[in-house]
Structures are given as structure tokens and as C-alpha cells.
Amino acid sequence: MKLIVGLGNPGHRYKKTRHNVGWIVINELAKNWKKSKKANCVYSKQGDIEYIKPLTFMNNSGKAVRSVKDKHKIKPENIIVIHDDIDLPFGEIRISKDVSSAGHKGVQSIINELGTQDFTRVRIGINPRLVGEQADRKIDTERFVLEKFTKEENKQLDEIIKQAIETIKRELCQSI
């Protein structure tokens, strides 16, 4: 069995923010969500793949992941976590395996709860990579990730979601 996790924050306020790109992608992958009070997440099952969106805030995502992992006896190497990455240019998608959280608190929560970083991450870049004078500006990371996508970013979002889904499907095929 595989577990695919989309990271994000619950609540209408966070619905279309950069930090919720994991939820945005997983919503396109899975349908018919059901709520699990015990695991504090919503889930969807398709064949031998369980999709979840933790209903905790981002920094506590690991609790829901561990609960579902333990319930279904899923090995960490069979977990794929989809999340935003401020260190990647907007729209860039990278696969990482068995690496540190690089400061992402949702990923760190999962590492802490699982006791390992031996799982796959689909990292979706949200950094605008400012140029010229704007490049010298310091970004308030916490504020930036909780802002909604700009109009220009929204125009590109559908294509980024498609690319992320294709990346996840390739990853699933390679691990079978």
C-alpha cells in the first residue's frame, strides 16, 4: 500500500495560499473525501493508494501521517509527501528522497513523528525569484507562504498541477 500526503493548512483563510499547494495538487489526484476523526485527516482510497490531507495545521502534519501509516502498516519508503518549497523557483518540481526537511516545518513534523526521513517528497517551488532591485528585498517567509497566489501565478497554476500529478504518477510506477 502507498500513502500520498498533501500538506496544507485547514480553513477557508488558507484555501488558495502558496503553503497549501500540496492540498491543491492532491485534490486533483483524489476525489470523494471522507473524514477520519481518529487520524484527524480527510482521506480517499483508490486501489492500494491512500490519499490524505491532515486537518492539523501544517506544523503538526506528522501526527495524522503517523496515525494512517500505523493503521495500515505502511513503510515510510511507501509514503509520498507533496508540499510547497520556498527554495525552488515558482513552478519547479523536484523529487527528493531520504533528505532533511530543509526548514519546512510540516515536513519536519512528519520526520519527527515517523522517526525517519526515509520517504519521498514532491517539492513544488513557490519562490518568485525576484530580479534586479527586487532581488535585494528580504522576503518575510512566514507571511509569503500564507499569501494567496498572485494573478500571474494563478495563470500558471493549472499547468504546474498537471506537471506535479505526472511526476507523482511516474514516481508510483517506478516504485512498483
N, C-alpha and C. Protein backbone atom coordinates (compact mmCIF):
# COMPACT_ATOMS: atom_id res chain seq x y z
N MET A 1 0.84 -1.18 0.00
CA MET A 1 0.00 0.00 0.00
C MET A 1 0.88 1.25 0.00
N LYS A 2 0.44 2.27 -0.70
CA LYS A 2 1.13 3.56 -0.77
C LYS A 2 0.29 4.61 -0.05
N LEU A 3 0.96 5.57 0.52
CA LEU A 3 0.30 6.70 1.17
C LEU A 3 0.79 7.98 0.51
N ILE A 4 -0.15 8.77 -0.01
CA ILE A 4 0.20 10.06 -0.60
C ILE A 4 -0.42 11.14 0.27
N VAL A 5 0.42 12.06 0.71
CA VAL A 5 0.02 13.11 1.65
C VAL A 5 0.16 14.47 0.98
N GLY A 6 -0.90 15.25 1.03
CA GLY A 6 -0.83 16.64 0.57
C GLY A 6 -0.78 17.54 1.79
N LEU A 7 0.27 18.35 1.89
CA LEU A 7 0.39 19.24 3.05
C LEU A 7 -0.31 20.57 2.80
N GLY A 8 -0.91 21.09 3.84
CA GLY A 8 -1.60 22.38 3.78
C GLY A 8 -2.17 22.72 5.14
N ASN A 9 -2.81 23.85 5.22
CA ASN A 9 -3.48 24.29 6.44
C ASN A 9 -4.98 24.24 6.24
N PRO A 10 -5.72 23.82 7.28
CA PRO A 10 -7.18 23.80 7.16
C PRO A 10 -7.77 25.21 7.29
N GLY A 11 -8.96 25.37 6.78
CA GLY A 11 -9.66 26.64 6.94
C GLY A 11 -9.71 27.44 5.65
N HIS A 12 -10.81 28.16 5.49
CA HIS A 12 -11.04 28.94 4.28
C HIS A 12 -9.94 29.99 4.04
N ARG A 13 -9.42 30.54 5.11
CA ARG A 13 -8.39 31.59 5.03
C ARG A 13 -7.16 31.12 4.24
N TYR A 14 -6.86 29.83 4.32
CA TYR A 14 -5.63 29.29 3.71
C TYR A 14 -5.88 28.60 2.37
N LYS A 15 -7.13 28.57 1.93
CA LYS A 15 -7.54 27.73 0.81
C LYS A 15 -6.65 27.83 -0.43
N LYS A 16 -6.37 29.00 -0.91
CA LYS A 16 -5.59 29.14 -2.15
C LYS A 16 -4.25 29.83 -1.90
N THR A 17 -3.62 29.48 -0.78
CA THR A 17 -2.32 30.07 -0.46
C THR A 17 -1.20 29.19 -0.99
N ARG A 18 -0.02 29.77 -1.07
CA ARG A 18 1.15 29.03 -1.57
C ARG A 18 1.45 27.82 -0.69
N HIS A 19 1.27 27.98 0.63
CA HIS A 19 1.58 26.91 1.57
C HIS A 19 0.64 25.71 1.37
N ASN A 20 -0.50 25.92 0.72
CA ASN A 20 -1.47 24.85 0.52
C ASN A 20 -1.36 24.18 -0.84
N VAL A 21 -0.27 24.39 -1.54
CA VAL A 21 -0.14 23.80 -2.87
C VAL A 21 -0.20 22.27 -2.81
N GLY A 22 0.22 21.67 -1.72
CA GLY A 22 0.11 20.22 -1.56
C GLY A 22 -1.34 19.76 -1.57
N TRP A 23 -2.20 20.52 -0.89
CA TRP A 23 -3.64 20.21 -0.89
C TRP A 23 -4.23 20.43 -2.28
N ILE A 24 -3.80 21.50 -2.93
CA ILE A 24 -4.33 21.81 -4.27
C ILE A 24 -4.04 20.66 -5.23
N VAL A 25 -2.83 20.13 -5.19
CA VAL A 25 -2.45 19.02 -6.07
C VAL A 25 -3.21 17.75 -5.71
N ILE A 26 -3.26 17.41 -4.43
CA ILE A 26 -3.90 16.15 -4.04
C ILE A 26 -5.40 16.18 -4.30
N ASN A 27 -6.00 17.38 -4.29
CA ASN A 27 -7.43 17.49 -4.63
C ASN A 27 -7.69 17.10 -6.08
N GLU A 28 -6.70 17.25 -6.94
CA GLU A 28 -6.84 16.84 -8.34
C GLU A 28 -6.56 15.35 -8.52
N LEU A 29 -5.79 14.78 -7.61
CA LEU A 29 -5.46 13.36 -7.68
C LEU A 29 -6.58 12.47 -7.15
N ALA A 30 -7.23 12.91 -6.10
CA ALA A 30 -8.21 12.07 -5.41
C ALA A 30 -9.54 12.80 -5.27
N LYS A 31 -10.60 12.02 -5.23
CA LYS A 31 -11.95 12.57 -5.07
C LYS A 31 -12.64 11.82 -3.93
N ASN A 32 -13.86 12.20 -3.63
CA ASN A 32 -14.68 11.51 -2.62
C ASN A 32 -13.99 11.42 -1.26
N TRP A 33 -13.69 12.55 -0.69
CA TRP A 33 -13.00 12.62 0.59
C TRP A 33 -13.93 12.23 1.74
N LYS A 34 -13.38 11.50 2.70
CA LYS A 34 -14.10 11.13 3.92
C LYS A 34 -13.28 11.62 5.10
N LYS A 35 -13.95 11.88 6.21
CA LYS A 35 -13.25 12.40 7.38
C LYS A 35 -12.94 11.28 8.36
N SER A 36 -11.72 11.29 8.89
CA SER A 36 -11.32 10.37 9.94
C SER A 36 -11.04 11.20 11.19
N LYS A 37 -11.93 11.11 12.17
CA LYS A 37 -11.71 11.86 13.41
C LYS A 37 -10.50 11.32 14.16
N LYS A 38 -10.34 10.00 14.14
CA LYS A 38 -9.25 9.37 14.87
C LYS A 38 -7.88 9.83 14.35
N ALA A 39 -7.73 9.87 13.03
CA ALA A 39 -6.45 10.27 12.43
C ALA A 39 -6.35 11.78 12.22
N ASN A 40 -7.45 12.50 12.43
CA ASN A 40 -7.50 13.95 12.23
C ASN A 40 -7.07 14.34 10.82
N CYS A 41 -7.73 13.70 9.85
CA CYS A 41 -7.44 13.98 8.45
C CYS A 41 -8.67 13.66 7.61
N VAL A 42 -8.62 14.07 6.36
CA VAL A 42 -9.59 13.57 5.39
C VAL A 42 -8.82 12.64 4.47
N TYR A 43 -9.51 11.62 3.97
CA TYR A 43 -8.81 10.62 3.17
C TYR A 43 -9.66 10.16 1.99
N SER A 44 -8.98 9.59 1.05
CA SER A 44 -9.62 9.00 -0.12
C SER A 44 -8.79 7.78 -0.48
N LYS A 45 -9.45 6.70 -0.81
CA LYS A 45 -8.72 5.47 -1.15
C LYS A 45 -9.07 5.06 -2.57
N GLN A 46 -8.03 4.75 -3.34
CA GLN A 46 -8.20 4.26 -4.71
C GLN A 46 -7.26 3.09 -4.89
N GLY A 47 -7.82 1.90 -4.95
CA GLY A 47 -6.98 0.71 -5.06
C GLY A 47 -6.09 0.58 -3.85
N ASP A 48 -4.78 0.43 -4.10
CA ASP A 48 -3.85 0.29 -2.98
C ASP A 48 -3.15 1.60 -2.64
N ILE A 49 -3.80 2.71 -2.98
CA ILE A 49 -3.25 4.03 -2.65
C ILE A 49 -4.22 4.76 -1.72
N GLU A 50 -3.70 5.21 -0.60
CA GLU A 50 -4.47 6.02 0.35
C GLU A 50 -3.95 7.46 0.22
N TYR A 51 -4.87 8.38 0.00
CA TYR A 51 -4.55 9.81 -0.08
C TYR A 51 -5.04 10.47 1.20
N ILE A 52 -4.23 11.35 1.78
CA ILE A 52 -4.72 12.07 2.96
C ILE A 52 -4.34 13.55 2.92
N LYS A 53 -5.19 14.34 3.56
CA LYS A 53 -4.91 15.74 3.84
C LYS A 53 -5.05 15.89 5.36
N PRO A 54 -3.94 16.07 6.08
CA PRO A 54 -4.05 16.27 7.52
C PRO A 54 -4.90 17.50 7.82
N LEU A 55 -5.75 17.41 8.83
CA LEU A 55 -6.58 18.55 9.23
C LEU A 55 -5.96 19.33 10.38
N THR A 56 -4.76 18.93 10.77
CA THR A 56 -3.99 19.71 11.73
C THR A 56 -3.38 20.88 10.96
N PHE A 57 -2.86 21.85 11.65
CA PHE A 57 -2.12 22.88 10.93
C PHE A 57 -0.80 22.27 10.46
N MET A 58 -0.22 22.90 9.47
CA MET A 58 0.97 22.40 8.78
C MET A 58 2.02 21.84 9.75
N ASN A 59 2.32 22.60 10.80
CA ASN A 59 3.42 22.23 11.69
C ASN A 59 3.15 20.98 12.51
N ASN A 60 1.93 20.44 12.47
CA ASN A 60 1.59 19.22 13.20
C ASN A 60 1.14 18.10 12.26
N SER A 61 1.48 18.20 11.00
CA SER A 61 1.04 17.22 10.00
C SER A 61 1.48 15.80 10.30
N GLY A 62 2.60 15.66 10.96
CA GLY A 62 3.16 14.34 11.23
C GLY A 62 2.25 13.43 12.03
N LYS A 63 1.45 13.99 12.92
CA LYS A 63 0.57 13.16 13.75
C LYS A 63 -0.43 12.39 12.90
N ALA A 64 -1.05 13.05 11.94
CA ALA A 64 -2.01 12.38 11.05
C ALA A 64 -1.31 11.35 10.17
N VAL A 65 -0.14 11.71 9.66
CA VAL A 65 0.61 10.79 8.79
C VAL A 65 0.98 9.53 9.57
N ARG A 66 1.49 9.70 10.78
CA ARG A 66 1.86 8.53 11.59
C ARG A 66 0.65 7.66 11.90
N SER A 67 -0.47 8.29 12.22
CA SER A 67 -1.68 7.53 12.55
C SER A 67 -2.12 6.65 11.38
N VAL A 68 -2.16 7.21 10.17
CA VAL A 68 -2.56 6.44 8.99
C VAL A 68 -1.51 5.39 8.65
N LYS A 69 -0.25 5.75 8.75
CA LYS A 69 0.86 4.81 8.49
C LYS A 69 0.75 3.61 9.41
N ASP A 70 0.54 3.87 10.70
CA ASP A 70 0.45 2.78 11.68
C ASP A 70 -0.78 1.91 11.44
N LYS A 71 -1.91 2.54 11.16
CA LYS A 71 -3.16 1.80 10.94
C LYS A 71 -3.03 0.81 9.79
N HIS A 72 -2.40 1.25 8.70
CA HIS A 72 -2.30 0.41 7.50
C HIS A 72 -0.95 -0.29 7.37
N LYS A 73 -0.09 -0.12 8.39
CA LYS A 73 1.24 -0.74 8.39
C LYS A 73 2.03 -0.39 7.12
N ILE A 74 2.02 0.89 6.80
CA ILE A 74 2.72 1.38 5.61
C ILE A 74 4.16 1.71 5.97
N LYS A 75 5.09 1.23 5.18
CA LYS A 75 6.50 1.53 5.41
C LYS A 75 6.77 2.97 4.99
N PRO A 76 7.64 3.69 5.70
CA PRO A 76 7.94 5.08 5.33
C PRO A 76 8.37 5.24 3.88
N GLU A 77 9.10 4.27 3.34
CA GLU A 77 9.55 4.39 1.95
C GLU A 77 8.39 4.29 0.95
N ASN A 78 7.19 3.95 1.43
CA ASN A 78 5.99 3.91 0.58
C ASN A 78 5.10 5.14 0.79
N ILE A 79 5.68 6.18 1.35
CA ILE A 79 4.96 7.43 1.58
C ILE A 79 5.50 8.50 0.64
N ILE A 80 4.58 9.24 0.02
CA ILE A 80 4.94 10.39 -0.82
C ILE A 80 4.26 11.62 -0.22
N VAL A 81 5.05 12.65 0.06
CA VAL A 81 4.53 13.88 0.64
C VAL A 81 4.66 15.00 -0.39
N ILE A 82 3.54 15.69 -0.66
CA ILE A 82 3.51 16.79 -1.62
C ILE A 82 3.47 18.10 -0.83
N HIS A 83 4.41 19.00 -1.12
CA HIS A 83 4.44 20.25 -0.36
C HIS A 83 5.10 21.39 -1.13
N ASP A 84 4.88 22.60 -0.63
CA ASP A 84 5.50 23.80 -1.20
C ASP A 84 6.97 23.84 -0.82
N ASP A 85 7.76 24.54 -1.63
CA ASP A 85 9.18 24.71 -1.33
C ASP A 85 9.62 26.12 -1.71
N ILE A 86 9.91 26.91 -0.71
CA ILE A 86 10.32 28.31 -0.90
C ILE A 86 11.71 28.40 -1.53
N ASP A 87 12.49 27.32 -1.48
CA ASP A 87 13.85 27.34 -2.04
C ASP A 87 13.89 27.03 -3.53
N LEU A 88 12.76 26.66 -4.11
CA LEU A 88 12.71 26.37 -5.55
C LEU A 88 11.98 27.50 -6.28
N PRO A 89 12.41 27.81 -7.50
CA PRO A 89 11.70 28.82 -8.29
C PRO A 89 10.24 28.41 -8.52
N PHE A 90 9.38 29.39 -8.65
CA PHE A 90 7.96 29.13 -8.83
C PHE A 90 7.73 28.15 -9.98
N GLY A 91 7.00 27.09 -9.68
CA GLY A 91 6.63 26.11 -10.70
C GLY A 91 7.60 24.96 -10.89
N GLU A 92 8.80 25.07 -10.36
CA GLU A 92 9.76 23.96 -10.49
C GLU A 92 9.33 22.82 -9.56
N ILE A 93 9.45 21.60 -10.05
CA ILE A 93 9.05 20.43 -9.28
C ILE A 93 10.25 19.50 -9.16
N ARG A 94 10.51 19.07 -7.93
CA ARG A 94 11.62 18.15 -7.70
C ARG A 94 11.18 17.02 -6.79
N ILE A 95 11.76 15.86 -7.03
CA ILE A 95 11.56 14.70 -6.17
C ILE A 95 12.79 14.61 -5.26
N SER A 96 12.54 14.40 -3.98
CA SER A 96 13.62 14.18 -3.02
C SER A 96 13.30 12.94 -2.21
N LYS A 97 14.34 12.19 -1.86
CA LYS A 97 14.15 11.00 -1.04
C LYS A 97 15.19 11.00 0.07
N ASP A 98 14.73 10.65 1.25
CA ASP A 98 15.62 10.46 2.39
C ASP A 98 16.53 11.67 2.62
N VAL A 99 15.92 12.87 2.65
CA VAL A 99 16.68 14.09 2.92
C VAL A 99 16.01 14.88 4.05
N SER A 100 16.74 15.83 4.59
CA SER A 100 16.22 16.63 5.70
C SER A 100 15.06 17.50 5.25
N SER A 101 14.43 18.13 6.21
CA SER A 101 13.25 18.98 5.93
C SER A 101 13.62 20.30 5.28
N ALA A 102 14.88 20.70 5.33
CA ALA A 102 15.35 21.98 4.80
C ALA A 102 14.55 23.14 5.39
N GLY A 103 14.12 22.98 6.63
CA GLY A 103 13.41 24.06 7.32
C GLY A 103 11.90 24.06 7.14
N HIS A 104 11.36 23.14 6.35
CA HIS A 104 9.90 23.07 6.16
C HIS A 104 9.30 22.40 7.40
N LYS A 105 8.53 23.15 8.16
CA LYS A 105 8.05 22.65 9.45
C LYS A 105 7.04 21.52 9.33
N GLY A 106 6.24 21.50 8.27
CA GLY A 106 5.32 20.38 8.05
C GLY A 106 6.08 19.09 7.78
N VAL A 107 7.11 19.17 6.95
CA VAL A 107 7.95 18.01 6.66
C VAL A 107 8.70 17.58 7.92
N GLN A 108 9.20 18.55 8.68
CA GLN A 108 9.92 18.21 9.92
C GLN A 108 9.00 17.50 10.90
N SER A 109 7.75 17.91 10.97
CA SER A 109 6.78 17.23 11.84
C SER A 109 6.63 15.76 11.44
N ILE A 110 6.59 15.50 10.14
CA ILE A 110 6.48 14.12 9.66
C ILE A 110 7.73 13.33 10.02
N ILE A 111 8.90 13.92 9.79
CA ILE A 111 10.16 13.26 10.15
C ILE A 111 10.17 12.94 11.64
N ASN A 112 9.77 13.89 12.47
CA ASN A 112 9.76 13.68 13.92
C ASN A 112 8.82 12.54 14.31
N GLU A 113 7.63 12.53 13.74
CA GLU A 113 6.63 11.52 14.10
C GLU A 113 6.99 10.13 13.58
N LEU A 114 7.57 10.06 12.39
CA LEU A 114 7.94 8.76 11.82
C LEU A 114 9.27 8.25 12.35
N GLY A 115 10.09 9.17 12.86
CA GLY A 115 11.41 8.80 13.34
C GLY A 115 12.39 8.52 12.20
N THR A 116 12.05 8.99 11.01
CA THR A 116 12.91 8.79 9.84
C THR A 116 12.57 9.84 8.78
N GLN A 117 13.52 10.10 7.92
CA GLN A 117 13.28 10.96 6.76
C GLN A 117 13.25 10.13 5.47
N ASP A 118 13.16 8.81 5.64
CA ASP A 118 13.18 7.88 4.51
C ASP A 118 11.81 7.77 3.85
N PHE A 119 11.38 8.87 3.23
CA PHE A 119 10.15 8.90 2.44
C PHE A 119 10.38 9.85 1.28
N THR A 120 9.49 9.80 0.31
CA THR A 120 9.63 10.62 -0.90
C THR A 120 8.89 11.93 -0.73
N ARG A 121 9.49 12.99 -1.25
CA ARG A 121 8.86 14.31 -1.22
C ARG A 121 8.74 14.84 -2.64
N VAL A 122 7.56 15.34 -2.98
CA VAL A 122 7.36 16.06 -4.23
C VAL A 122 7.32 17.53 -3.84
N ARG A 123 8.40 18.23 -4.16
CA ARG A 123 8.57 19.63 -3.76
C ARG A 123 8.15 20.54 -4.92
N ILE A 124 7.24 21.46 -4.62
CA ILE A 124 6.73 22.37 -5.65
C ILE A 124 7.19 23.78 -5.32
N GLY A 125 7.99 24.34 -6.22
CA GLY A 125 8.57 25.66 -5.99
C GLY A 125 7.54 26.77 -5.96
N ILE A 126 7.69 27.66 -4.97
CA ILE A 126 6.78 28.81 -4.85
C ILE A 126 7.54 30.13 -4.81
N ASN A 127 8.87 30.09 -4.96
CA ASN A 127 9.68 31.30 -4.86
C ASN A 127 9.63 32.08 -6.18
N PRO A 128 9.27 33.36 -6.12
CA PRO A 128 9.16 34.15 -7.35
C PRO A 128 10.50 34.48 -7.99
N ARG A 129 11.61 34.24 -7.30
CA ARG A 129 12.95 34.55 -7.82
C ARG A 129 13.01 35.96 -8.40
N LEU A 130 12.91 36.90 -7.52
CA LEU A 130 12.92 38.30 -7.92
C LEU A 130 14.27 38.65 -8.55
N VAL A 131 14.26 39.62 -9.48
CA VAL A 131 15.49 40.03 -10.15
C VAL A 131 15.72 41.52 -9.94
N GLY A 132 16.94 41.96 -10.24
CA GLY A 132 17.27 43.38 -10.13
C GLY A 132 17.16 43.88 -8.70
N GLU A 133 16.61 45.09 -8.56
CA GLU A 133 16.48 45.70 -7.23
C GLU A 133 15.61 44.87 -6.31
N GLN A 134 14.60 44.22 -6.87
CA GLN A 134 13.70 43.42 -6.04
C GLN A 134 14.41 42.23 -5.41
N ALA A 135 15.49 41.75 -6.04
CA ALA A 135 16.21 40.60 -5.52
C ALA A 135 16.86 40.90 -4.18
N ASP A 136 17.12 42.17 -3.92
CA ASP A 136 17.75 42.56 -2.66
C ASP A 136 16.76 42.57 -1.50
N ARG A 137 15.47 42.56 -1.82
CA ARG A 137 14.46 42.57 -0.76
C ARG A 137 14.49 41.26 0.00
N LYS A 138 14.33 41.37 1.30
CA LYS A 138 14.18 40.17 2.12
C LYS A 138 12.72 39.77 2.11
N ILE A 139 12.45 38.51 1.89
CA ILE A 139 11.08 38.02 1.91
C ILE A 139 10.76 37.56 3.33
N ASP A 140 9.64 38.03 3.85
CA ASP A 140 9.13 37.52 5.12
C ASP A 140 8.50 36.17 4.79
N THR A 141 9.29 35.12 4.95
CA THR A 141 8.88 33.79 4.50
C THR A 141 7.55 33.36 5.08
N GLU A 142 7.38 33.53 6.38
CA GLU A 142 6.14 33.08 7.03
C GLU A 142 4.92 33.78 6.43
N ARG A 143 5.04 35.07 6.19
CA ARG A 143 3.93 35.81 5.60
C ARG A 143 3.73 35.41 4.13
N PHE A 144 4.84 35.30 3.40
CA PHE A 144 4.79 35.00 1.98
C PHE A 144 4.08 33.68 1.68
N VAL A 145 4.41 32.62 2.42
CA VAL A 145 3.82 31.31 2.13
C VAL A 145 2.33 31.28 2.44
N LEU A 146 1.87 32.16 3.33
CA LEU A 146 0.45 32.19 3.70
C LEU A 146 -0.36 33.15 2.84
N GLU A 147 0.29 33.80 1.87
CA GLU A 147 -0.43 34.68 0.95
C GLU A 147 -1.02 33.85 -0.19
N LYS A 148 -2.09 34.36 -0.76
CA LYS A 148 -2.71 33.71 -1.92
C LYS A 148 -1.80 33.91 -3.14
N PHE A 149 -1.92 33.01 -4.10
CA PHE A 149 -1.16 33.14 -5.34
C PHE A 149 -1.56 34.44 -6.04
N THR A 150 -0.59 35.07 -6.71
CA THR A 150 -0.87 36.28 -7.47
C THR A 150 -1.64 35.90 -8.74
N LYS A 151 -2.15 36.91 -9.45
CA LYS A 151 -2.85 36.65 -10.71
C LYS A 151 -1.94 35.94 -11.71
N GLU A 152 -0.69 36.41 -11.79
CA GLU A 152 0.27 35.80 -12.72
C GLU A 152 0.55 34.35 -12.34
N GLU A 153 0.71 34.09 -11.04
CA GLU A 153 0.96 32.72 -10.59
C GLU A 153 -0.25 31.83 -10.87
N ASN A 154 -1.44 32.37 -10.63
CA ASN A 154 -2.67 31.60 -10.88
C ASN A 154 -2.79 31.17 -12.34
N LYS A 155 -2.31 32.01 -13.26
CA LYS A 155 -2.36 31.67 -14.68
C LYS A 155 -1.53 30.43 -14.99
N GLN A 156 -0.48 30.22 -14.21
CA GLN A 156 0.43 29.09 -14.44
C GLN A 156 0.09 27.87 -13.59
N LEU A 157 -0.78 28.05 -12.61
CA LEU A 157 -1.02 27.01 -11.61
C LEU A 157 -1.59 25.71 -12.19
N ASP A 158 -2.53 25.80 -13.13
CA ASP A 158 -3.10 24.58 -13.71
C ASP A 158 -2.03 23.71 -14.35
N GLU A 159 -1.11 24.34 -15.08
CA GLU A 159 -0.04 23.58 -15.73
C GLU A 159 0.91 22.98 -14.69
N ILE A 160 1.19 23.71 -13.63
CA ILE A 160 2.07 23.20 -12.57
C ILE A 160 1.42 22.00 -11.89
N ILE A 161 0.12 22.08 -11.65
CA ILE A 161 -0.61 20.96 -11.03
C ILE A 161 -0.52 19.73 -11.94
N LYS A 162 -0.73 19.91 -13.24
CA LYS A 162 -0.63 18.79 -14.18
C LYS A 162 0.76 18.16 -14.14
N GLN A 163 1.79 19.00 -14.12
CA GLN A 163 3.17 18.50 -14.07
C GLN A 163 3.42 17.74 -12.77
N ALA A 164 2.90 18.27 -11.67
CA ALA A 164 3.08 17.60 -10.37
C ALA A 164 2.40 16.23 -10.38
N ILE A 165 1.20 16.16 -10.94
CA ILE A 165 0.48 14.89 -11.00
C ILE A 165 1.24 13.88 -11.86
N GLU A 166 1.77 14.32 -12.99
CA GLU A 166 2.56 13.42 -13.84
C GLU A 166 3.81 12.94 -13.10
N THR A 167 4.44 13.83 -12.35
CA THR A 167 5.62 13.47 -11.57
C THR A 167 5.26 12.40 -10.53
N ILE A 168 4.14 12.57 -9.86
CA ILE A 168 3.70 11.61 -8.85
C ILE A 168 3.38 10.27 -9.50
N LYS A 169 2.70 10.28 -10.62
CA LYS A 169 2.37 9.03 -11.32
C LYS A 169 3.63 8.29 -11.75
N ARG A 170 4.63 9.02 -12.27
CA ARG A 170 5.90 8.39 -12.65
C ARG A 170 6.56 7.77 -11.42
N GLU A 171 6.54 8.50 -10.33
CA GLU A 171 7.15 8.00 -9.09
C GLU A 171 6.45 6.73 -8.62
N LEU A 172 5.13 6.70 -8.70
CA LEU A 172 4.38 5.50 -8.31
C LEU A 172 4.73 4.32 -9.21
N CYS A 173 4.84 4.56 -10.51
CA CYS A 173 5.18 3.49 -11.46
C CYS A 173 6.58 2.95 -11.21
N GLN A 174 7.52 3.82 -10.89
CA GLN A 174 8.90 3.40 -10.66
C GLN A 174 9.04 2.58 -9.38
N SER A 175 8.15 2.82 -8.43
CA SER A 175 8.30 2.14 -7.14
C SER A 175 7.53 0.82 -7.07
N ILE A 176 6.89 0.45 -8.17
CA ILE A 176 6.13 -0.82 -8.17
C ILE A 176 7.04 -1.96 -8.55
